Protein backbone atom coordinates (compact mmCIF):
# COMPACT_ATOMS: atom_id res chain seq x y z
CA SER A 1 114.14 83.49 130.87
CA TRP A 2 112.49 81.93 127.83
CA LYS A 3 108.74 81.60 127.40
CA VAL A 4 106.15 81.20 124.75
CA PRO A 5 104.91 84.50 123.37
CA GLU A 6 101.28 84.88 124.48
CA GLN A 7 100.06 86.23 121.14
CA GLU A 8 101.19 82.91 119.35
CA VAL A 9 99.41 80.82 121.87
CA LEU A 10 96.10 82.81 121.36
CA GLU A 11 96.50 83.06 117.69
CA GLU A 12 93.87 81.14 115.66
CA VAL A 13 94.00 82.86 112.23
CA PRO A 14 97.13 84.17 110.67
CA ALA A 15 97.14 87.98 110.46
CA GLU A 16 97.18 88.21 106.69
CA GLN A 17 94.00 85.84 106.58
CA GLU A 18 92.31 87.69 109.34
CA GLU A 19 92.12 90.88 107.25
CA ASP A 20 90.69 88.98 104.24
CA LEU A 21 88.05 87.40 106.39
CA ARG A 22 86.85 90.82 107.85
CA LYS A 23 86.36 92.02 104.29
CA GLN A 24 84.43 88.97 103.33
CA ILE A 25 82.01 89.23 106.39
CA THR A 26 79.54 91.90 105.30
CA ARG A 27 76.69 90.88 107.74
CA GLY A 28 76.98 90.20 111.40
CA ARG A 29 74.89 88.02 113.70
CA GLU A 30 72.53 90.89 114.52
CA GLU A 31 71.72 91.66 110.94
CA ILE A 32 71.10 88.02 110.15
CA THR A 33 68.77 87.81 113.25
CA ARG A 34 66.81 90.92 112.11
CA THR A 35 66.56 89.53 108.51
CA ILE A 36 65.13 86.10 109.85
CA LEU A 37 62.75 87.82 112.14
CA ALA A 38 61.45 90.22 109.43
CA GLU A 39 60.99 87.31 106.90
CA ALA A 40 59.36 85.09 109.53
CA ARG A 41 57.00 87.90 110.74
CA ARG A 42 55.80 88.30 107.12
CA ILE A 43 54.91 84.51 106.62
CA ILE A 44 53.84 83.37 110.12
CA PRO A 45 50.74 85.36 110.66
CA GLN A 46 48.80 83.13 108.17
CA TYR A 47 49.26 80.28 110.68
CA GLY A 48 47.96 82.27 113.57
CA ILE A 49 51.30 82.78 115.32
CA GLU A 50 52.83 85.90 116.50
CA LEU A 51 56.73 85.92 116.45
CA VAL A 52 58.21 88.16 119.05
CA ASP A 53 61.97 87.44 118.83
CA VAL A 54 64.44 85.21 117.14
CA ARG A 55 67.85 84.23 118.71
CA ILE A 56 70.59 82.19 116.97
CA LYS A 57 71.68 79.42 119.34
CA ARG A 58 74.33 78.01 116.97
CA LEU A 59 75.64 78.45 113.42
CA ASP A 60 77.22 75.41 111.65
CA TYR A 61 79.09 75.22 108.54
CA VAL A 62 78.13 72.91 105.61
CA GLU A 63 79.85 69.58 106.18
CA SER A 64 82.34 70.13 103.35
CA VAL A 65 83.29 73.67 104.67
CA ARG A 66 83.52 72.31 108.24
CA GLU A 67 86.06 69.62 107.22
CA LYS A 68 88.17 72.30 105.39
CA VAL A 69 87.98 74.58 108.37
CA TYR A 70 89.13 71.77 110.73
CA ALA A 71 91.85 70.75 108.36
CA ARG A 72 93.14 74.49 108.24
CA MET A 73 92.96 74.73 111.96
CA ILE A 74 94.86 71.40 112.44
CA SER A 75 97.61 72.48 109.96
CA GLU A 76 97.96 75.72 111.65
CA ARG A 77 98.33 74.23 115.11
CA LYS A 78 100.89 71.72 113.74
CA ARG A 79 102.82 74.69 112.20
CA ILE A 80 102.82 76.48 115.61
CA ALA A 81 103.82 73.33 117.34
CA ALA A 82 106.68 72.75 114.82
CA GLN A 83 107.87 76.37 115.43
CA PHE A 84 107.65 75.82 119.22
CA ARG A 85 109.74 72.62 118.94
CA SER A 86 112.34 74.29 116.72
CA GLU A 87 112.73 77.26 119.18
CA GLY A 88 112.88 74.74 122.01
CA GLU A 89 115.55 72.66 120.36
CA GLY A 90 117.58 75.87 119.60
CA ARG A 91 117.26 76.84 123.20
CA SER A 92 118.25 73.39 124.32
CA ALA A 93 121.32 73.53 122.12
CA GLU A 94 122.12 76.90 123.56
CA ILE A 95 121.80 75.79 127.10
CA LEU A 96 123.91 72.54 126.46
CA GLY A 97 126.73 74.57 124.87
CA THR A 98 126.74 76.94 127.89
CA MET A 99 126.79 73.92 130.26
CA GLU A 100 129.73 72.20 128.43
CA LYS A 101 131.69 75.47 128.47
CA GLU A 102 131.19 75.90 132.07
CA LEU A 103 131.89 72.28 132.77
CA ARG A 104 135.21 72.50 130.89
CA GLN A 105 136.05 75.61 133.00
CA ILE A 106 135.20 73.99 136.26
CA ARG A 107 137.29 70.84 135.33
CA SER A 108 140.21 73.02 134.17
CA THR A 109 140.12 75.05 137.48
CA ALA A 110 139.84 71.83 139.46
CA TYR A 111 142.77 70.17 137.55
CA ARG A 112 144.95 73.32 138.15
CA ARG A 113 144.09 73.37 141.88
CA VAL A 114 144.81 69.73 142.25
CA GLN A 115 148.16 70.20 140.55
CA GLU A 116 149.04 73.05 142.84
CA VAL A 117 148.05 70.97 145.87
CA GLN A 118 150.05 68.09 144.82
CA GLY A 119 152.97 70.23 144.01
CA LYS A 120 152.99 71.83 147.44
CA GLY A 121 152.55 68.38 148.99
CA ASP A 122 155.52 66.89 147.02
CA ALA A 123 157.61 69.97 147.96
CA GLU A 124 156.76 69.57 151.71
CA ALA A 125 157.45 65.77 151.46
CA THR A 126 160.78 66.45 149.79
CA ARG A 127 161.73 69.00 152.36
CA VAL A 128 160.74 66.76 155.29
CA TYR A 129 162.67 63.76 153.68
CA GLY A 130 165.66 66.00 153.11
CA ASP A 131 165.61 67.22 156.69
CA SER A 132 165.35 63.62 158.02
CA PHE A 133 167.71 61.99 155.76
CA GLY A 134 170.26 64.84 156.19
CA ARG A 135 170.33 64.06 159.89
CA ASN A 136 171.07 60.47 159.20
CA PRO A 137 172.57 59.71 155.75
CA GLU A 138 173.06 56.07 156.48
CA PHE A 139 169.35 55.56 157.18
CA TYR A 140 168.56 57.44 153.92
CA ALA A 141 170.90 55.03 152.11
CA PHE A 142 169.10 52.15 153.70
CA GLN A 143 165.68 53.52 152.99
CA ARG A 144 166.50 54.08 149.28
CA THR A 145 167.92 50.51 149.00
CA LEU A 146 164.66 49.20 150.48
CA GLU A 147 162.58 51.25 148.03
CA VAL A 148 164.60 49.98 145.08
CA TYR A 149 164.26 46.40 146.14
CA LYS A 150 160.50 46.95 146.64
CA GLU A 151 160.09 48.61 143.18
CA GLY A 152 162.08 45.91 141.56
CA SER A 153 160.46 42.90 143.00
CA ASN A 154 157.13 41.22 142.99
CA LYS A 155 155.31 38.67 145.17
CA ASN A 156 157.30 35.66 143.79
CA SER A 157 160.72 37.25 143.68
CA VAL A 158 163.62 35.65 145.29
CA LEU A 159 166.36 37.92 146.62
CA ILE A 160 169.93 36.66 146.59
CA LEU A 161 172.46 38.77 148.61
CA THR A 162 176.16 38.41 149.02
CA THR A 163 177.65 38.76 152.42
CA ASP A 164 179.54 41.80 151.34
CA SER A 165 176.50 43.82 150.11
CA ASP A 166 175.38 46.85 152.14
CA PHE A 167 171.84 45.52 152.36
CA TYR A 168 173.05 42.36 153.88
CA ARG A 169 175.09 44.33 156.35
CA TYR A 170 171.97 46.49 157.29
CA LEU A 171 169.89 43.37 157.69
CA LYS A 172 172.56 41.62 159.82
CA GLN A 173 172.85 44.63 161.98
CA ALA A 174 169.03 45.01 162.43
CA ILE A 175 168.43 41.37 163.43
CA PRO A 176 170.04 40.28 166.60
CA GLU A 177 171.75 36.96 166.45
CA VAL A 178 169.47 34.23 167.70
CA LYS A 179 171.34 31.80 169.93
CA GLN A 180 170.70 28.33 168.57
CA SER A 181 169.98 25.72 171.28
CA PRO A 182 171.72 22.31 170.97
CA ARG A 183 169.54 19.83 169.29
CA SER A 184 168.03 17.36 171.53
CA GLY A 185 168.05 14.63 169.10
CA ALA A 186 169.85 11.39 169.90
CA ARG A 187 169.24 9.68 173.34
């Protein structure tokens, strides 16, 4: 799994600058404290004060140096943030590429499976139709005629049949003749 390297998160000064800074720092806080204490002990007795200890609470840079330090820190943080964004975008592209590849594979497998199932269904339907229609060829001819008429017509179609057509003959056999009652019209 991907994560931010800990050393980059904690990094404040680039490695090449850190070595230069260590060379420039010749005196540490303790030496500065001892120097201040020694110098103050030399001057203070004339005022009747005995100085026992000196501690440094805080060291501040001169304003111009402080601004440069802050600007350098900000630019370094921006550089690190840009690097993280770049690595994140690269990882995102990698993940999206993998996802697209897997999605294509899933769709391909699903399509193949659908085609297999449809093929088996069509084969079974053909077998069932063949068995049924083989037993009654006349019904098969009638069924096919109905399908052709259905496919070739729409809602507003008018069907005109001659009395010698097979379809008319099927219809006439299927519908029993209705006896017409005499009209009770004139009284």
